[in-house]
């Protein structure tokens, strides 16, 4: 009888239920699309106690997942998040989809370009611009640049894709800036 009430009213979902749900949905998508890839899933608890599920693809069709700046990876990730929100609306599990370390490579490339532009802004004392980026990539760049007090950054533009303006920060301790430091 308890199985009946659990189905009717729902019960507390375990991490295994969520991971199984994700595995089943990924397997269905891979089968229906005819991709020649395998995948691994694993779940971890982060410092705040929330669960994170990682899906990593590998196989002959890896290039399809990495093509077009990882749009297929983003699509899988968004789909899996929506499935979780639909089946377990109260659950705050995060889903991360990757393929052969693509996300980390992409993040390193963004940081490397931001480092080059930061060096130009500091050395030449002028504003430089990073190409238009989607929100998650802008966040990576802004967080990286925020670690260096010598530069500041901000997003410019309308819509989803915005440029990043990188400019030297004014040094309140520099000679000649005492008046502006006192006005602040």
N, C-alpha and C. Protein backbone atom coordinates (compact mmCIF):
# COMPACT_ATOMS: atom_id res chain seq x y z
N UNK A 1 0.81 -1.19 0.00
CA UNK A 1 0.00 0.00 0.00
C UNK A 1 0.86 1.25 0.00
N UNK A 2 2.02 1.19 0.65
CA UNK A 2 2.86 2.39 0.70
C UNK A 2 3.36 2.77 -0.69
N UNK A 3 3.55 1.78 -1.58
CA UNK A 3 3.96 2.07 -2.96
C UNK A 3 2.91 2.88 -3.69
N UNK A 4 1.62 2.57 -3.40
CA UNK A 4 0.52 3.30 -4.01
C UNK A 4 0.54 4.77 -3.59
N UNK A 5 0.70 5.04 -2.28
CA UNK A 5 0.72 6.41 -1.80
C UNK A 5 1.96 7.17 -2.28
N UNK A 6 3.07 6.45 -2.40
CA UNK A 6 4.28 7.10 -2.89
C UNK A 6 4.08 7.56 -4.34
N UNK A 7 3.42 6.70 -5.15
CA UNK A 7 3.13 7.08 -6.54
C UNK A 7 2.13 8.22 -6.60
N UNK A 8 1.14 8.16 -5.73
CA UNK A 8 0.08 9.16 -5.75
C UNK A 8 0.57 10.52 -5.27
N UNK A 9 1.27 10.55 -4.16
CA UNK A 9 1.69 11.82 -3.56
C UNK A 9 3.16 12.13 -3.79
N UNK A 10 3.89 11.20 -4.34
CA UNK A 10 5.31 11.42 -4.53
C UNK A 10 6.04 11.15 -3.24
N UNK A 11 7.26 10.89 -3.34
CA UNK A 11 8.06 10.65 -2.15
C UNK A 11 9.36 11.41 -2.30
N UNK A 12 10.16 11.33 -1.29
CA UNK A 12 11.45 12.01 -1.36
C UNK A 12 12.31 11.30 -2.41
N UNK A 13 12.86 12.07 -3.32
CA UNK A 13 13.64 11.51 -4.41
C UNK A 13 15.10 11.41 -3.98
N UNK A 14 15.69 10.26 -4.26
CA UNK A 14 17.10 10.08 -3.92
C UNK A 14 17.96 10.51 -5.10
N UNK A 15 19.24 10.65 -4.86
CA UNK A 15 20.17 11.01 -5.93
C UNK A 15 20.21 9.93 -6.99
N UNK A 16 20.02 8.66 -6.58
CA UNK A 16 20.01 7.57 -7.55
C UNK A 16 18.83 7.69 -8.50
N UNK A 17 17.65 8.13 -7.98
CA UNK A 17 16.48 8.33 -8.83
C UNK A 17 16.76 9.41 -9.87
N UNK A 18 17.37 10.49 -9.45
CA UNK A 18 17.67 11.60 -10.35
C UNK A 18 18.72 11.19 -11.37
N UNK A 19 19.76 10.53 -10.92
CA UNK A 19 20.81 10.08 -11.84
C UNK A 19 20.25 9.07 -12.84
N UNK A 20 19.38 8.18 -12.39
CA UNK A 20 18.75 7.20 -13.28
C UNK A 20 17.87 7.90 -14.30
N UNK A 21 17.10 8.91 -13.86
CA UNK A 21 16.26 9.68 -14.77
C UNK A 21 17.11 10.34 -15.85
N UNK A 22 18.22 10.91 -15.46
CA UNK A 22 19.11 11.56 -16.43
C UNK A 22 19.70 10.53 -17.38
N UNK A 23 20.16 9.40 -16.86
CA UNK A 23 20.72 8.35 -17.71
C UNK A 23 19.71 7.86 -18.74
N UNK A 24 18.48 7.64 -18.30
CA UNK A 24 17.44 7.16 -19.22
C UNK A 24 17.17 8.18 -20.31
N UNK A 25 17.08 9.45 -19.96
CA UNK A 25 16.80 10.48 -20.94
C UNK A 25 17.95 10.67 -21.92
N UNK A 26 19.17 10.63 -21.42
CA UNK A 26 20.32 10.75 -22.32
C UNK A 26 20.37 9.56 -23.26
N UNK A 27 20.15 8.36 -22.73
CA UNK A 27 20.17 7.16 -23.58
C UNK A 27 19.10 7.23 -24.66
N UNK A 28 17.90 7.70 -24.31
CA UNK A 28 16.83 7.84 -25.29
C UNK A 28 17.21 8.85 -26.38
N UNK A 29 17.78 9.98 -25.98
CA UNK A 29 18.19 10.99 -26.97
C UNK A 29 19.28 10.45 -27.89
N UNK A 30 20.27 9.80 -27.33
CA UNK A 30 21.37 9.26 -28.12
C UNK A 30 20.85 8.21 -29.09
N UNK A 31 19.96 7.33 -28.63
CA UNK A 31 19.41 6.28 -29.49
C UNK A 31 18.57 6.86 -30.62
N UNK A 32 17.67 7.79 -30.28
CA UNK A 32 16.78 8.35 -31.30
C UNK A 32 17.54 9.19 -32.31
N UNK A 33 18.59 9.88 -31.89
CA UNK A 33 19.37 10.72 -32.80
C UNK A 33 20.39 9.90 -33.60
N UNK A 34 20.66 8.70 -33.14
CA UNK A 34 21.60 7.85 -33.85
C UNK A 34 23.06 8.25 -33.66
N UNK A 35 23.37 8.88 -32.54
CA UNK A 35 24.76 9.26 -32.25
C UNK A 35 25.57 8.02 -31.89
N UNK A 36 26.82 8.02 -32.32
CA UNK A 36 27.73 6.92 -32.00
C UNK A 36 28.63 7.39 -30.86
N UNK A 37 28.05 7.50 -29.67
CA UNK A 37 28.79 7.95 -28.48
C UNK A 37 28.36 7.12 -27.28
N UNK A 38 29.25 7.08 -26.31
CA UNK A 38 28.93 6.51 -25.01
C UNK A 38 28.93 7.67 -24.02
N UNK A 39 28.36 7.45 -22.87
CA UNK A 39 28.36 8.50 -21.85
C UNK A 39 28.50 7.90 -20.48
N UNK A 40 29.04 8.71 -19.59
CA UNK A 40 29.17 8.36 -18.18
C UNK A 40 28.44 9.42 -17.37
N UNK A 41 27.79 8.99 -16.32
CA UNK A 41 27.19 9.97 -15.39
C UNK A 41 27.76 9.72 -14.01
N UNK A 42 27.91 10.81 -13.29
CA UNK A 42 28.33 10.72 -11.89
C UNK A 42 27.70 11.88 -11.16
N UNK A 43 27.48 11.69 -9.89
CA UNK A 43 26.90 12.79 -9.10
C UNK A 43 27.80 13.08 -7.91
N UNK A 44 27.82 14.35 -7.53
CA UNK A 44 28.62 14.81 -6.39
C UNK A 44 27.81 15.81 -5.59
N UNK A 45 28.13 15.89 -4.32
CA UNK A 45 27.56 16.95 -3.47
C UNK A 45 28.58 18.06 -3.38
N UNK A 46 28.14 19.31 -3.55
CA UNK A 46 29.08 20.42 -3.42
C UNK A 46 29.10 20.92 -1.98
N UNK A 47 29.84 22.00 -1.74
CA UNK A 47 30.03 22.52 -0.38
C UNK A 47 28.72 22.94 0.29
N UNK A 48 27.76 23.44 -0.51
CA UNK A 48 26.48 23.88 0.06
C UNK A 48 25.50 22.73 0.28
N UNK A 49 25.88 21.52 -0.14
CA UNK A 49 25.02 20.36 0.06
C UNK A 49 24.11 20.06 -1.11
N UNK A 50 24.16 20.85 -2.18
CA UNK A 50 23.33 20.55 -3.34
C UNK A 50 24.04 19.54 -4.24
N UNK A 51 23.24 18.81 -4.99
CA UNK A 51 23.78 17.76 -5.84
C UNK A 51 24.08 18.28 -7.23
N UNK A 52 25.18 17.80 -7.80
CA UNK A 52 25.54 18.12 -9.17
C UNK A 52 25.73 16.81 -9.91
N UNK A 53 25.09 16.70 -11.07
CA UNK A 53 25.21 15.51 -11.90
C UNK A 53 26.01 15.89 -13.14
N UNK A 54 27.04 15.09 -13.43
CA UNK A 54 27.91 15.32 -14.57
C UNK A 54 27.68 14.23 -15.61
N UNK A 55 27.50 14.64 -16.86
CA UNK A 55 27.36 13.71 -17.98
C UNK A 55 28.51 13.99 -18.91
N UNK A 56 29.31 12.97 -19.23
CA UNK A 56 30.46 13.15 -20.11
C UNK A 56 30.37 12.17 -21.28
N UNK A 57 30.36 12.73 -22.50
CA UNK A 57 30.26 11.93 -23.71
C UNK A 57 31.65 11.59 -24.24
N UNK A 58 31.76 10.42 -24.88
CA UNK A 58 32.98 10.05 -25.57
C UNK A 58 32.61 9.10 -26.70
N UNK A 59 33.45 9.07 -27.73
CA UNK A 59 33.20 8.16 -28.84
C UNK A 59 33.45 8.81 -30.18
N UNK A 60 33.16 8.09 -31.25
CA UNK A 60 33.45 8.57 -32.60
C UNK A 60 32.73 9.87 -32.99
N UNK A 61 31.56 10.13 -32.45
CA UNK A 61 30.81 11.34 -32.82
C UNK A 61 31.08 12.52 -31.88
N UNK A 62 32.19 12.48 -31.15
CA UNK A 62 32.53 13.59 -30.23
C UNK A 62 32.55 14.93 -30.94
N UNK A 63 33.07 14.95 -32.16
CA UNK A 63 33.20 16.22 -32.88
C UNK A 63 31.85 16.89 -33.11
N UNK A 64 30.78 16.10 -33.27
CA UNK A 64 29.45 16.69 -33.44
C UNK A 64 29.04 17.46 -32.19
N UNK A 65 29.42 16.94 -31.03
CA UNK A 65 29.05 17.59 -29.77
C UNK A 65 29.87 18.87 -29.54
N UNK A 66 31.10 18.89 -30.03
CA UNK A 66 31.98 20.04 -29.84
C UNK A 66 31.79 21.10 -30.92
N UNK A 67 31.18 20.72 -32.04
CA UNK A 67 31.01 21.63 -33.16
C UNK A 67 30.11 22.81 -32.80
N UNK A 68 30.29 23.89 -33.51
CA UNK A 68 29.50 25.12 -33.31
C UNK A 68 29.54 25.60 -31.86
N UNK A 69 30.74 25.64 -31.34
CA UNK A 69 30.97 26.13 -29.97
C UNK A 69 30.18 25.38 -28.91
N UNK A 70 30.00 24.09 -29.10
CA UNK A 70 29.35 23.27 -28.09
C UNK A 70 27.85 23.44 -27.98
N UNK A 71 27.19 23.87 -29.05
CA UNK A 71 25.75 24.10 -28.98
C UNK A 71 24.97 22.82 -28.67
N UNK A 72 25.43 21.68 -29.19
CA UNK A 72 24.74 20.43 -28.89
C UNK A 72 24.88 20.06 -27.41
N UNK A 73 26.05 20.33 -26.84
CA UNK A 73 26.24 20.11 -25.40
C UNK A 73 25.28 21.00 -24.61
N UNK A 74 25.16 22.26 -25.03
CA UNK A 74 24.25 23.18 -24.36
C UNK A 74 22.81 22.71 -24.48
N UNK A 75 22.45 22.18 -25.65
CA UNK A 75 21.08 21.70 -25.86
C UNK A 75 20.77 20.51 -24.95
N UNK A 76 21.71 19.56 -24.87
CA UNK A 76 21.53 18.41 -23.97
C UNK A 76 21.38 18.89 -22.53
N UNK A 77 22.24 19.81 -22.12
CA UNK A 77 22.22 20.30 -20.75
C UNK A 77 20.89 20.99 -20.44
N UNK A 78 20.43 21.84 -21.34
CA UNK A 78 19.16 22.53 -21.13
C UNK A 78 18.00 21.54 -21.07
N UNK A 79 17.99 20.57 -21.98
CA UNK A 79 16.93 19.56 -21.99
C UNK A 79 16.89 18.80 -20.66
N UNK A 80 18.05 18.37 -20.19
CA UNK A 80 18.10 17.60 -18.95
C UNK A 80 17.67 18.44 -17.75
N UNK A 81 18.02 19.72 -17.75
CA UNK A 81 17.57 20.61 -16.66
C UNK A 81 16.05 20.73 -16.67
N UNK A 82 15.47 20.85 -17.86
CA UNK A 82 14.01 20.97 -17.96
C UNK A 82 13.31 19.68 -17.53
N UNK A 83 13.88 18.54 -17.89
CA UNK A 83 13.31 17.26 -17.45
C UNK A 83 13.30 17.19 -15.93
N UNK A 84 14.42 17.58 -15.30
CA UNK A 84 14.48 17.56 -13.84
C UNK A 84 13.48 18.54 -13.23
N UNK A 85 13.37 19.73 -13.82
CA UNK A 85 12.42 20.71 -13.29
C UNK A 85 10.99 20.21 -13.40
N UNK A 86 10.70 19.48 -14.47
CA UNK A 86 9.36 18.96 -14.66
C UNK A 86 9.05 17.81 -13.71
N UNK A 87 9.98 16.88 -13.58
CA UNK A 87 9.75 15.69 -12.75
C UNK A 87 9.95 15.96 -11.26
N UNK A 88 10.89 16.83 -10.92
CA UNK A 88 11.22 17.13 -9.52
C UNK A 88 11.33 18.65 -9.35
N UNK A 89 10.20 19.37 -9.36
CA UNK A 89 10.26 20.84 -9.33
C UNK A 89 10.93 21.42 -8.08
N UNK A 90 10.90 20.71 -6.98
CA UNK A 90 11.49 21.25 -5.74
C UNK A 90 12.99 20.96 -5.64
N UNK A 91 13.50 20.10 -6.50
CA UNK A 91 14.90 19.69 -6.44
C UNK A 91 15.79 20.75 -7.09
N UNK A 92 16.96 20.99 -6.52
CA UNK A 92 17.90 22.00 -7.01
C UNK A 92 19.16 21.39 -7.61
N UNK A 93 19.06 20.18 -8.13
CA UNK A 93 20.21 19.50 -8.73
C UNK A 93 20.68 20.25 -9.97
N UNK A 94 21.99 20.42 -10.08
CA UNK A 94 22.60 21.05 -11.25
C UNK A 94 23.08 19.96 -12.20
N UNK A 95 22.91 20.17 -13.49
CA UNK A 95 23.35 19.21 -14.50
C UNK A 95 24.44 19.86 -15.33
N UNK A 96 25.56 19.14 -15.53
CA UNK A 96 26.67 19.63 -16.34
C UNK A 96 26.97 18.59 -17.41
N UNK A 97 26.94 19.01 -18.68
CA UNK A 97 27.19 18.10 -19.79
C UNK A 97 28.48 18.53 -20.48
N UNK A 98 29.37 17.56 -20.71
CA UNK A 98 30.66 17.84 -21.35
C UNK A 98 31.01 16.71 -22.29
N UNK A 99 32.01 16.96 -23.10
CA UNK A 99 32.47 15.95 -24.06
C UNK A 99 33.98 16.08 -24.20
N UNK A 100 34.70 15.13 -23.64
CA UNK A 100 36.14 15.10 -23.79
C UNK A 100 36.86 16.34 -23.28
N UNK A 101 36.37 16.95 -22.23
CA UNK A 101 37.03 18.12 -21.65
C UNK A 101 36.83 19.40 -22.44
N UNK A 102 35.83 19.45 -23.32
CA UNK A 102 35.60 20.63 -24.17
C UNK A 102 35.34 21.89 -23.34
N UNK A 103 34.53 21.77 -22.31
CA UNK A 103 34.17 22.97 -21.52
C UNK A 103 35.42 23.60 -20.89
N UNK A 104 36.29 22.79 -20.34
CA UNK A 104 37.50 23.32 -19.72
C UNK A 104 38.43 23.94 -20.76
N UNK A 105 38.57 23.31 -21.92
CA UNK A 105 39.39 23.88 -23.00
C UNK A 105 38.84 25.23 -23.43
N UNK A 106 37.53 25.32 -23.57
CA UNK A 106 36.89 26.57 -23.98
C UNK A 106 37.11 27.65 -22.93
N UNK A 107 36.97 27.29 -21.66
CA UNK A 107 37.18 28.24 -20.57
C UNK A 107 38.63 28.75 -20.56
N UNK A 108 39.57 27.86 -20.77
CA UNK A 108 40.98 28.26 -20.81
C UNK A 108 41.26 29.20 -21.98
N UNK A 109 40.65 28.95 -23.12
CA UNK A 109 40.83 29.83 -24.28
C UNK A 109 40.26 31.22 -24.00
N UNK A 110 39.11 31.29 -23.33
CA UNK A 110 38.52 32.58 -22.97
C UNK A 110 39.43 33.35 -22.01
N UNK A 111 39.96 32.65 -21.02
CA UNK A 111 40.83 33.27 -20.03
C UNK A 111 42.13 33.73 -20.67
N UNK A 112 42.66 32.93 -21.57
CA UNK A 112 43.91 33.30 -22.25
C UNK A 112 43.72 34.59 -23.07
N UNK A 113 42.61 34.67 -23.79
CA UNK A 113 42.33 35.89 -24.58
C UNK A 113 42.10 37.08 -23.64
N UNK A 114 41.40 36.87 -22.54
CA UNK A 114 41.16 37.95 -21.58
C UNK A 114 42.48 38.43 -20.98
N UNK A 115 43.40 37.50 -20.72
CA UNK A 115 44.72 37.87 -20.19
C UNK A 115 45.48 38.75 -21.17
N UNK A 116 45.43 38.40 -22.46
CA UNK A 116 46.10 39.22 -23.48
C UNK A 116 45.51 40.63 -23.55
N UNK A 117 44.18 40.71 -23.53
CA UNK A 117 43.54 42.02 -23.59
C UNK A 117 43.79 42.82 -22.31
N UNK A 118 43.83 42.15 -21.19
CA UNK A 118 44.13 42.82 -19.91
C UNK A 118 45.53 43.42 -19.95
N UNK A 119 46.48 42.68 -20.49
CA UNK A 119 47.86 43.17 -20.59
C UNK A 119 47.93 44.41 -21.48
N UNK A 120 47.19 44.42 -22.58
CA UNK A 120 47.16 45.60 -23.45
C UNK A 120 46.56 46.79 -22.71
N UNK A 121 45.46 46.56 -22.00
CA UNK A 121 44.79 47.65 -21.27
C UNK A 121 45.72 48.24 -20.21
N UNK A 122 46.47 47.41 -19.52
CA UNK A 122 47.36 47.88 -18.46
C UNK A 122 48.60 48.56 -19.06
N UNK A 123 49.24 47.90 -20.02
CA UNK A 123 50.48 48.43 -20.61
C UNK A 123 50.27 49.73 -21.36
N UNK A 124 49.19 49.80 -22.13
CA UNK A 124 48.96 50.98 -22.96
C UNK A 124 48.02 51.98 -22.29
N UNK A 125 47.43 51.60 -21.17
CA UNK A 125 46.55 52.51 -20.44
C UNK A 125 45.32 52.91 -21.23
N UNK A 126 44.82 52.01 -22.04
CA UNK A 126 43.65 52.34 -22.86
C UNK A 126 42.60 51.22 -22.78
N UNK A 127 41.42 51.55 -23.23
CA UNK A 127 40.31 50.61 -23.24
C UNK A 127 40.44 49.63 -24.42
N UNK A 128 40.16 48.37 -24.15
CA UNK A 128 40.10 47.36 -25.20
C UNK A 128 38.77 46.62 -25.09
N UNK A 129 38.39 45.96 -26.18
CA UNK A 129 37.10 45.29 -26.21
C UNK A 129 37.26 43.81 -26.56
N UNK A 130 36.51 43.00 -25.86
CA UNK A 130 36.44 41.56 -26.13
C UNK A 130 35.23 41.37 -27.04
N UNK A 131 35.31 40.45 -27.99
CA UNK A 131 34.21 40.22 -28.92
C UNK A 131 32.91 39.90 -28.19
N UNK A 132 31.80 39.96 -28.90
CA UNK A 132 30.49 39.66 -28.31
C UNK A 132 30.43 38.20 -27.87
N UNK A 133 29.99 38.00 -26.64
CA UNK A 133 29.94 36.67 -26.04
C UNK A 133 28.56 36.40 -25.44
N UNK A 134 28.18 35.12 -25.34
CA UNK A 134 26.94 34.79 -24.62
C UNK A 134 27.15 34.95 -23.11
N UNK A 135 26.08 35.00 -22.34
CA UNK A 135 26.17 35.29 -20.90
C UNK A 135 27.12 34.38 -20.11
N UNK A 136 27.08 33.08 -20.33
CA UNK A 136 27.93 32.20 -19.51
C UNK A 136 29.41 32.41 -19.79
N UNK A 137 29.76 32.75 -21.04
CA UNK A 137 31.16 33.01 -21.36
C UNK A 137 31.59 34.37 -20.83
N UNK A 138 30.68 35.36 -20.87
CA UNK A 138 30.99 36.67 -20.29
C UNK A 138 31.24 36.55 -18.80
N UNK A 139 30.47 35.71 -18.14
CA UNK A 139 30.63 35.52 -16.70
C UNK A 139 32.03 35.00 -16.38
N UNK A 140 32.51 34.05 -17.16
CA UNK A 140 33.86 33.50 -16.96
C UNK A 140 34.89 34.61 -17.08
N UNK A 141 34.77 35.44 -18.12
CA UNK A 141 35.73 36.52 -18.36
C UNK A 141 35.65 37.56 -17.25
N UNK A 142 34.45 37.99 -16.89
CA UNK A 142 34.30 38.99 -15.82
C UNK A 142 34.86 38.48 -14.49
N UNK A 143 34.60 37.23 -14.16
CA UNK A 143 35.12 36.68 -12.90
C UNK A 143 36.64 36.62 -12.91
N UNK A 144 37.20 36.27 -14.05
CA UNK A 144 38.66 36.22 -14.15
C UNK A 144 39.25 37.63 -14.00
N UNK A 145 38.69 38.60 -14.70
CA UNK A 145 39.22 39.97 -14.65
C UNK A 145 39.01 40.62 -13.29
N UNK A 146 37.98 40.22 -12.57
CA UNK A 146 37.70 40.81 -11.26
C UNK A 146 38.79 40.49 -10.24
N UNK A 147 39.59 39.47 -10.51
CA UNK A 147 40.67 39.09 -9.58
C UNK A 147 41.83 40.06 -9.62
N UNK A 148 41.93 40.88 -10.68
CA UNK A 148 43.02 41.83 -10.82
C UNK A 148 42.50 43.25 -10.59
N UNK A 149 42.94 43.91 -9.51
CA UNK A 149 42.42 45.25 -9.20
C UNK A 149 42.91 46.33 -10.18
N UNK A 150 43.83 46.00 -11.06
CA UNK A 150 44.35 47.00 -12.00
C UNK A 150 43.42 47.25 -13.18
N UNK A 151 42.46 46.35 -13.40
CA UNK A 151 41.53 46.52 -14.51
C UNK A 151 40.09 46.35 -14.04
N UNK A 152 39.19 46.91 -14.82
CA UNK A 152 37.76 46.73 -14.60
C UNK A 152 37.15 46.27 -15.92
N UNK A 153 35.97 45.68 -15.83
CA UNK A 153 35.29 45.22 -17.04
C UNK A 153 33.79 45.44 -16.89
N UNK A 154 33.15 45.58 -18.03
CA UNK A 154 31.70 45.69 -18.05
C UNK A 154 31.18 45.25 -19.40
N UNK A 155 29.95 44.80 -19.43
CA UNK A 155 29.33 44.35 -20.67
C UNK A 155 28.67 45.52 -21.36
N UNK A 156 28.79 45.54 -22.68
CA UNK A 156 28.19 46.60 -23.49
C UNK A 156 27.35 46.00 -24.60
N UNK A 157 26.19 46.59 -24.84
CA UNK A 157 25.36 46.15 -25.95
C UNK A 157 23.99 45.71 -25.49
N UNK A 158 23.19 45.38 -26.48
CA UNK A 158 21.82 44.93 -26.23
C UNK A 158 21.69 43.48 -26.66
N UNK A 159 20.72 42.82 -26.12
CA UNK A 159 20.47 41.44 -26.52
C UNK A 159 21.30 40.46 -25.72
N UNK A 160 21.32 39.24 -26.20
CA UNK A 160 21.98 38.14 -25.50
C UNK A 160 23.49 38.24 -25.60
N UNK A 161 23.99 38.53 -26.79
CA UNK A 161 25.43 38.61 -27.01
C UNK A 161 25.88 40.05 -26.81
N UNK A 162 26.85 40.24 -25.91
CA UNK A 162 27.35 41.58 -25.60
C UNK A 162 28.87 41.58 -25.63
N UNK A 163 29.44 42.74 -25.97
CA UNK A 163 30.89 42.91 -25.91
C UNK A 163 31.30 43.17 -24.47
N UNK A 164 32.57 42.94 -24.20
CA UNK A 164 33.12 43.26 -22.88
C UNK A 164 34.13 44.37 -23.04
N UNK A 165 33.94 45.42 -22.28
CA UNK A 165 34.86 46.55 -22.25
C UNK A 165 35.84 46.30 -21.10
N UNK A 166 37.13 46.31 -21.41
CA UNK A 166 38.18 46.11 -20.40
C UNK A 166 38.99 47.40 -20.36
N UNK A 167 39.08 48.00 -19.18
CA UNK A 167 39.77 49.28 -19.07
C UNK A 167 40.56 49.34 -17.77
N UNK A 168 41.63 50.16 -17.77
CA UNK A 168 42.45 50.29 -16.56
C UNK A 168 41.63 50.92 -15.42
N UNK A 169 41.81 50.38 -14.24
CA UNK A 169 41.15 50.94 -13.06
C UNK A 169 41.92 52.16 -12.60
N UNK A 170 41.20 53.14 -12.12
CA UNK A 170 41.88 54.32 -11.57
C UNK A 170 42.45 53.96 -10.22
N UNK A 171 43.69 54.32 -10.02
CA UNK A 171 44.38 54.01 -8.77
C UNK A 171 44.19 55.17 -7.81
N UNK A 172 43.43 55.00 -6.74
CA UNK A 172 43.20 56.11 -5.81
C UNK A 172 44.47 56.55 -5.09
N UNK A 173 45.51 55.73 -5.06
CA UNK A 173 46.74 56.08 -4.36
C UNK A 173 47.77 56.74 -5.28
N UNK A 174 47.43 56.86 -6.56
CA UNK A 174 48.39 57.46 -7.50
C UNK A 174 48.46 58.96 -7.29
N UNK A 175 49.64 59.58 -7.51
CA UNK A 175 49.75 61.03 -7.37
C UNK A 175 48.85 61.72 -8.40
N UNK A 176 48.23 62.81 -7.97
CA UNK A 176 47.37 63.56 -8.85
C UNK A 176 45.93 63.10 -8.79
N UNK A 177 45.66 61.97 -8.20
CA UNK A 177 44.31 61.45 -8.09
C UNK A 177 43.72 61.69 -6.71
N UNK A 178 44.41 62.47 -5.88
CA UNK A 178 43.93 62.68 -4.51
C UNK A 178 42.59 63.39 -4.47
N UNK A 179 42.39 64.33 -5.39
CA UNK A 179 41.12 65.06 -5.40
C UNK A 179 39.96 64.13 -5.78
N UNK A 180 40.19 63.30 -6.78
CA UNK A 180 39.11 62.39 -7.17
C UNK A 180 38.86 61.33 -6.12
N UNK A 181 39.91 60.93 -5.38
CA UNK A 181 39.74 59.93 -4.33
C UNK A 181 38.95 60.52 -3.17
N UNK A 182 39.16 61.82 -2.90
CA UNK A 182 38.44 62.45 -1.77
C UNK A 182 36.99 62.69 -2.13
N UNK A 183 36.70 62.93 -3.43
CA UNK A 183 35.32 63.19 -3.84
C UNK A 183 34.48 61.93 -3.75
N UNK A 184 35.08 60.74 -3.87
CA UNK A 184 34.32 59.48 -3.88
C UNK A 184 33.70 59.18 -2.56
